[in-house]
């Protein structure tokens, strides 16, 4: 735990140093990128210090509260009785959660911000690719369409991560989890942000009149479902299991041994399970409570954050 706290201690002052600093409006890619990083760092610090407006749109503290709530459910209703409250790799996964959600997101979102600026110079806007205009639809329906569309995009991307060896090498970081818990949800290689982000942005661009800022609620519903899917809980939500992904279904996605007819993986659902049932990638032979997790050769896979950070860039022997 100490080494992860040390890394966070190094990151937070960098964020703090940018408070109240005015970003210089200088031309060029690197200047724009630096300005974007400073602005994003300011925003993260504002969240940490309760300075966001409106106050409830605060990704940092909502993530903390949501994580504590699901962890509390794990403690109250543990499924795998042999797992401890502080399970194997608990602190590693907790660090991944904040690194991927904030620290690395600060960089990747800043890069995409520069790309957006260059697109604007060409006259291409978010509405240029719109195939449907949602501006006159009720807000709840806009958010529902956004949720369904982005979830399908993520499901499809997830299938690609398993199907192609070059992508699977990065995705193995997520599957190196050997004891399931809520924080395992956000243990993934930083390259996955680069793969997921463009497709999610494209999905939003197809929805004319939709403002991404409106998706705060949908975003945290998805985070909550993801946390629950990876939690040490034996729930399947009854009849809703055919619509919503759930812990009993997702445990099989992390199984060490795949069925013969699904060698690339099963149960790829992110928030919704319906895609797996529609495309026949759903597979739940029994409860799965005590199955081994991971993949062949997991014993030799890197165990530390920094080694996993650079994993995937070389071909496996």
Protein backbone atom coordinates (compact mmCIF):
# COMPACT_ATOMS: atom_id res chain seq x y z
CA UNK A 1 0.00 0.00 0.00
CA UNK A 2 2.81 2.43 0.88
CA UNK A 3 4.26 2.50 -2.64
CA UNK A 4 0.88 3.38 -4.16
CA UNK A 5 0.37 6.16 -1.63
CA UNK A 6 3.84 7.43 -2.53
CA UNK A 7 2.94 7.57 -6.23
CA UNK A 8 -0.26 9.45 -5.44
CA UNK A 9 1.73 11.80 -3.23
CA UNK A 10 3.91 12.60 -6.23
CA UNK A 11 0.95 13.13 -8.56
CA UNK A 12 -1.22 15.35 -6.36
CA UNK A 13 1.34 18.17 -5.92
CA UNK A 14 1.65 18.36 -9.70
CA UNK A 15 -2.10 18.90 -9.84
CA UNK A 16 -1.98 21.32 -6.93
CA UNK A 17 0.77 23.45 -8.48
CA UNK A 18 -1.52 24.34 -11.35
CA UNK A 19 -4.21 25.88 -9.12
CA UNK A 20 -5.18 29.37 -10.23
CA UNK A 21 -2.49 29.34 -12.93
CA UNK A 22 -3.68 30.91 -16.16
CA UNK A 23 -2.92 28.74 -19.18
CA UNK A 24 -0.98 30.62 -21.84
CA UNK A 25 -2.72 30.79 -25.19
CA UNK A 26 0.24 29.89 -27.37
CA UNK A 27 0.04 28.33 -30.86
CA UNK A 28 1.32 24.84 -31.51
CA UNK A 29 0.48 21.30 -30.48
CA UNK A 30 2.69 21.14 -27.38
CA UNK A 31 1.54 24.48 -26.01
CA UNK A 32 -2.10 23.50 -26.50
CA UNK A 33 -1.46 20.14 -24.88
CA UNK A 34 0.25 21.76 -21.90
CA UNK A 35 -2.63 24.21 -21.47
CA UNK A 36 -5.16 21.39 -21.64
CA UNK A 37 -3.30 19.35 -19.03
CA UNK A 38 -3.13 22.34 -16.67
CA UNK A 39 -6.83 23.08 -17.15
CA UNK A 40 -7.78 19.45 -16.57
CA UNK A 41 -5.52 19.31 -13.50
CA UNK A 42 -7.25 22.43 -12.16
CA UNK A 43 -10.60 20.73 -12.63
CA UNK A 44 -9.48 17.58 -10.79
CA UNK A 45 -8.15 19.68 -7.93
CA UNK A 46 -11.43 21.60 -7.80
CA UNK A 47 -13.24 18.26 -7.42
CA UNK A 48 -10.93 17.09 -4.64
CA UNK A 49 -11.37 20.39 -2.77
CA UNK A 50 -15.17 20.61 -3.29
CA UNK A 51 -15.05 23.63 -5.62
CA UNK A 52 -17.09 22.26 -8.52
CA UNK A 53 -20.28 23.91 -9.69
CA UNK A 54 -22.84 22.51 -9.39
CA UNK A 55 -21.39 20.82 -6.31
CA UNK A 56 -22.86 17.38 -7.07
CA UNK A 57 -21.08 17.04 -10.44
CA UNK A 58 -17.96 15.75 -8.77
CA UNK A 59 -16.44 12.67 -10.35
CA UNK A 60 -13.73 12.25 -7.69
CA UNK A 61 -15.93 12.07 -4.60
CA UNK A 62 -18.75 10.20 -6.33
CA UNK A 63 -16.19 7.54 -7.32
CA UNK A 64 -14.98 7.36 -3.71
CA UNK A 65 -18.51 7.11 -2.27
CA UNK A 66 -19.63 4.58 -4.87
CA UNK A 67 -16.54 2.44 -4.25
CA UNK A 68 -17.05 2.50 -0.48
CA UNK A 69 -20.73 1.56 -0.92
CA UNK A 70 -19.97 -1.47 -3.12
CA UNK A 71 -17.07 -2.49 -0.86
CA UNK A 72 -19.53 -2.37 2.02
CA UNK A 73 -21.82 -4.77 0.13
CA UNK A 74 -18.88 -7.11 -0.41
CA UNK A 75 -18.16 -7.10 3.31
CA UNK A 76 -21.82 -7.63 4.24
CA UNK A 77 -22.63 -10.26 1.58
CA UNK A 78 -19.37 -11.99 0.56
CA UNK A 79 -19.79 -14.66 -2.12
CA UNK A 80 -16.32 -16.17 -2.10
CA UNK A 81 -15.90 -16.83 1.60
CA UNK A 82 -12.18 -17.57 1.30
CA UNK A 83 -11.40 -14.02 0.15
CA UNK A 84 -10.35 -11.50 2.74
CA UNK A 85 -11.85 -8.03 3.10
CA UNK A 86 -8.50 -6.77 1.83
CA UNK A 87 -8.21 -9.32 -0.97
CA UNK A 88 -5.18 -10.11 -3.11
CA UNK A 89 -4.08 -7.03 -5.13
CA UNK A 90 -6.65 -4.81 -3.39
CA UNK A 91 -4.27 -1.83 -3.19
CA UNK A 92 -2.96 -2.37 -6.71
CA UNK A 93 -6.52 -2.27 -8.06
CA UNK A 94 -7.38 0.77 -5.94
CA UNK A 95 -4.39 2.58 -7.41
CA UNK A 96 -5.39 1.56 -10.95
CA UNK A 97 -8.86 2.93 -10.24
CA UNK A 98 -7.61 6.44 -9.54
CA UNK A 99 -4.79 6.32 -12.09
CA UNK A 100 -7.04 5.35 -15.00
CA UNK A 101 -9.99 7.49 -13.91
CA UNK A 102 -8.04 10.68 -13.22
CA UNK A 103 -4.25 10.74 -13.72
CA UNK A 104 -4.04 9.08 -17.13
CA UNK A 105 -7.41 10.51 -18.16
CA UNK A 106 -5.85 13.95 -17.60
CA UNK A 107 -3.31 13.23 -20.34
CA UNK A 108 -5.49 11.35 -22.83
CA UNK A 109 -8.38 13.82 -22.60
CA UNK A 110 -5.93 16.68 -23.08
CA UNK A 111 -4.57 15.07 -26.25
CA UNK A 112 -8.07 14.61 -27.63
CA UNK A 113 -8.80 18.22 -26.72
CA UNK A 114 -5.98 19.33 -29.03
CA UNK A 115 -7.27 17.06 -31.79
CA UNK A 116 -10.74 18.58 -31.34
CA UNK A 117 -9.24 22.06 -31.71
CA UNK A 118 -7.59 21.12 -35.00
CA UNK A 119 -10.83 19.62 -36.27
CA UNK A 120 -12.63 22.86 -35.46
CA UNK A 121 -10.17 24.72 -37.67
CA UNK A 122 -11.26 22.54 -40.59
CA UNK A 123 -14.92 23.28 -39.92
CA UNK A 124 -15.66 19.76 -38.64
CA UNK A 125 -17.84 19.84 -35.53
CA UNK A 126 -19.62 17.31 -33.34
CA UNK A 127 -22.73 17.77 -35.49
CA UNK A 128 -20.94 17.04 -38.77
CA UNK A 129 -21.45 13.27 -38.49
CA UNK A 130 -24.84 13.34 -36.78
CA UNK A 131 -27.34 10.88 -38.20
CA UNK A 132 -30.13 11.66 -35.74
CA UNK A 133 -31.04 14.87 -33.92
CA UNK A 134 -31.94 14.31 -30.28
CA UNK A 135 -32.32 17.97 -29.31
CA UNK A 136 -36.14 17.82 -29.28
CA UNK A 137 -36.35 14.50 -27.45
CA UNK A 138 -37.11 14.31 -23.71
CA UNK A 139 -33.96 14.38 -21.59
CA UNK A 140 -34.56 10.88 -20.17
CA UNK A 141 -34.84 9.46 -23.69
CA UNK A 142 -31.66 11.23 -24.84
CA UNK A 143 -29.76 9.75 -21.91
CA UNK A 144 -31.22 6.29 -22.51
CA UNK A 145 -30.18 6.33 -26.18
CA UNK A 146 -26.74 7.59 -25.20
CA UNK A 147 -26.39 4.80 -22.60
CA UNK A 148 -27.45 2.03 -25.00
CA UNK A 149 -25.34 3.26 -27.92
CA UNK A 150 -22.14 3.79 -25.94
CA UNK A 151 -22.60 0.46 -24.14
CA UNK A 152 -22.84 -1.36 -27.48
CA UNK A 153 -19.72 0.42 -28.72
CA UNK A 154 -17.86 -0.68 -25.60
CA UNK A 155 -19.18 -4.24 -25.94
CA UNK A 156 -17.96 -4.39 -29.54
CA UNK A 157 -14.56 -2.92 -28.58
CA UNK A 158 -14.32 -5.45 -25.75
CA UNK A 159 -14.86 -8.28 -28.23
CA UNK A 160 -12.02 -6.89 -30.37
CA UNK A 161 -9.71 -6.79 -27.35
CA UNK A 162 -10.18 -10.54 -26.97
CA UNK A 163 -10.25 -11.44 -30.66
CA UNK A 164 -6.97 -9.89 -31.84
CA UNK A 165 -3.70 -10.99 -30.19
CA UNK A 166 -2.11 -7.52 -30.45
CA UNK A 167 -5.02 -6.05 -28.46
CA UNK A 168 -5.32 -9.00 -26.10
CA UNK A 169 -1.74 -8.41 -24.90
CA UNK A 170 -2.90 -5.09 -23.42
CA UNK A 171 -6.23 -6.41 -22.17
CA UNK A 172 -4.46 -9.15 -20.19
CA UNK A 173 -3.78 -6.55 -17.48
CA UNK A 174 -7.49 -6.56 -16.67
CA UNK A 175 -7.63 -10.35 -16.73
CA UNK A 176 -4.64 -10.71 -14.42
CA UNK A 177 -7.11 -10.33 -11.51
CA UNK A 178 -7.15 -13.56 -9.53
CA UNK A 179 -9.59 -12.50 -6.77
CA UNK A 180 -12.59 -10.44 -7.81
CA UNK A 181 -13.46 -7.19 -6.10
CA UNK A 182 -15.08 -3.88 -7.02
CA UNK A 183 -11.77 -2.08 -7.74
CA UNK A 184 -10.82 -4.72 -10.35
CA UNK A 185 -13.36 -2.96 -12.56
CA UNK A 186 -10.86 -0.19 -13.37
CA UNK A 187 -7.69 -2.29 -13.51
CA UNK A 188 -6.82 -2.05 -17.19
CA UNK A 189 -3.87 -1.12 -19.37
CA UNK A 190 -3.62 2.56 -20.29
CA UNK A 191 -3.72 1.63 -23.99
CA UNK A 192 -7.38 0.65 -23.58
CA UNK A 193 -8.24 4.33 -23.10
CA UNK A 194 -6.73 5.00 -26.50
CA UNK A 195 -8.79 2.20 -28.04
CA UNK A 196 -12.11 2.95 -26.34
CA UNK A 197 -12.08 6.74 -26.45
CA UNK A 198 -12.26 7.35 -30.25
CA UNK A 199 -15.14 4.90 -30.69
CA UNK A 200 -17.10 6.42 -27.78
CA UNK A 201 -16.53 9.92 -29.15
CA UNK A 202 -17.72 8.76 -32.56
CA UNK A 203 -20.87 7.32 -30.98
CA UNK A 204 -21.61 10.70 -29.35
CA UNK A 205 -20.96 12.53 -32.64
CA UNK A 206 -23.65 10.40 -34.29
CA UNK A 207 -26.20 11.86 -31.85
CA UNK A 208 -26.93 15.39 -33.03
CA UNK A 209 -28.11 17.78 -30.32
CA UNK A 210 -26.76 15.66 -27.49
CA UNK A 211 -24.42 17.39 -25.04
CA UNK A 212 -21.91 15.03 -23.34
CA UNK A 213 -22.12 17.15 -20.17
CA UNK A 214 -25.63 15.78 -19.69
CA UNK A 215 -24.28 12.26 -19.31
CA UNK A 216 -22.99 12.59 -15.73
CA UNK A 217 -25.79 10.44 -14.30
CA UNK A 218 -25.50 7.79 -17.02
CA UNK A 219 -21.74 7.68 -16.56
CA UNK A 220 -21.99 6.89 -12.87
CA UNK A 221 -24.77 4.37 -13.36
CA UNK A 222 -22.36 2.55 -15.69
CA UNK A 223 -19.54 2.84 -13.14
CA UNK A 224 -21.85 1.44 -10.44
CA UNK A 225 -22.86 -1.51 -12.61
CA UNK A 226 -19.19 -2.17 -13.45
CA UNK A 227 -18.20 -2.08 -9.79
CA UNK A 228 -20.97 -4.53 -8.92
CA UNK A 229 -20.04 -6.86 -11.81
CA UNK A 230 -16.53 -7.23 -10.41
CA UNK A 231 -17.53 -7.30 -6.73
CA UNK A 232 -17.37 -10.38 -4.53
CA UNK A 233 -21.16 -10.78 -4.73
CA UNK A 234 -23.29 -13.72 -5.91
CA UNK A 235 -26.10 -11.73 -7.53
CA UNK A 236 -27.74 -12.10 -10.93
CA UNK A 237 -30.78 -9.74 -10.54
CA UNK A 238 -33.36 -12.43 -11.40
CA UNK A 239 -35.22 -11.79 -14.70
CA UNK A 240 -33.16 -8.62 -15.24
CA UNK A 241 -30.08 -10.78 -15.83
CA UNK A 242 -31.03 -10.95 -19.51
CA UNK A 243 -30.70 -7.17 -19.73
CA UNK A 244 -28.15 -6.14 -17.10
CA UNK A 245 -24.67 -7.56 -16.71
CA UNK A 246 -24.22 -9.01 -13.22
CA UNK A 247 -21.60 -10.59 -10.91
CA UNK A 248 -22.66 -14.19 -11.59
CA UNK A 249 -22.40 -13.63 -15.32
CA UNK A 250 -19.23 -11.58 -15.34
CA UNK A 251 -17.26 -14.00 -13.17
CA UNK A 252 -17.29 -16.35 -16.17
CA UNK A 253 -15.77 -13.66 -18.36
CA UNK A 254 -12.72 -13.81 -16.06
CA UNK A 255 -12.58 -17.62 -15.95
CA UNK A 256 -9.15 -19.09 -16.56
CA UNK A 257 -10.55 -21.81 -18.81
CA UNK A 258 -12.79 -20.87 -21.73
CA UNK A 259 -15.34 -23.28 -23.30
CA UNK A 260 -14.14 -25.02 -26.46
CA UNK A 261 -16.63 -23.19 -28.69
CA UNK A 262 -15.73 -19.75 -27.26
CA UNK A 263 -11.95 -19.83 -27.10
CA UNK A 264 -11.67 -16.02 -27.42
CA UNK A 265 -13.96 -15.33 -24.48
CA UNK A 266 -17.54 -15.11 -23.26
CA UNK A 267 -19.88 -12.64 -21.54
CA UNK A 268 -18.35 -9.45 -22.96
CA UNK A 269 -21.09 -7.18 -21.62
CA UNK A 270 -20.09 -3.92 -19.94
CA UNK A 271 -23.36 -2.66 -18.42
CA UNK A 272 -25.86 -4.60 -20.52
CA UNK A 273 -25.91 -8.37 -20.92
CA UNK A 274 -28.40 -8.27 -23.77
CA UNK A 275 -25.66 -7.99 -26.42
CA UNK A 276 -24.20 -11.34 -25.35
CA UNK A 277 -27.58 -13.01 -25.56
CA UNK A 278 -28.30 -11.44 -28.96
CA UNK A 279 -24.91 -12.36 -30.43
CA UNK A 280 -24.70 -15.73 -28.67
CA UNK A 281 -21.62 -15.04 -26.57
CA UNK A 282 -23.43 -15.62 -23.25
CA UNK A 283 -22.27 -18.65 -21.26
CA UNK A 284 -23.13 -19.42 -17.62
CA UNK A 285 -22.85 -23.19 -17.04
CA UNK A 286 -23.16 -22.96 -13.22
CA UNK A 287 -22.66 -20.52 -10.35
CA UNK A 288 -18.93 -20.04 -10.96
CA UNK A 289 -18.27 -19.09 -7.36
CA UNK A 290 -15.10 -21.15 -6.99
CA UNK A 291 -13.71 -21.18 -10.54
CA UNK A 292 -10.07 -20.21 -11.16
CA UNK A 293 -9.62 -16.75 -12.66
CA UNK A 294 -7.04 -15.38 -15.06
CA UNK A 295 -5.48 -16.98 -18.15
CA UNK A 296 -2.91 -19.60 -19.08
CA UNK A 297 0.51 -18.49 -17.89
CA UNK A 298 -0.80 -15.98 -15.34
CA UNK A 299 1.80 -17.30 -12.89
CA UNK A 300 4.54 -15.63 -14.96
CA UNK A 301 2.63 -12.42 -15.67
CA UNK A 302 4.03 -9.15 -14.20
CA UNK A 303 2.65 -8.46 -10.73
CA UNK A 304 3.55 -4.77 -10.27
CA UNK A 305 1.96 -1.65 -11.69
CA UNK A 306 5.05 -0.40 -13.51
CA UNK A 307 5.78 -3.74 -15.18
CA UNK A 308 2.16 -4.08 -16.23
CA UNK A 309 2.30 -0.48 -17.51
CA UNK A 310 4.76 -1.44 -20.24
CA UNK A 311 3.43 -4.94 -20.85
CA UNK A 312 1.80 -5.65 -24.17
CA UNK A 313 4.29 -3.84 -26.37
CA UNK A 314 6.33 -6.94 -27.17
CA UNK A 315 5.21 -10.16 -28.71
CA UNK A 316 4.70 -13.08 -26.36
CA UNK A 317 6.96 -16.06 -26.76
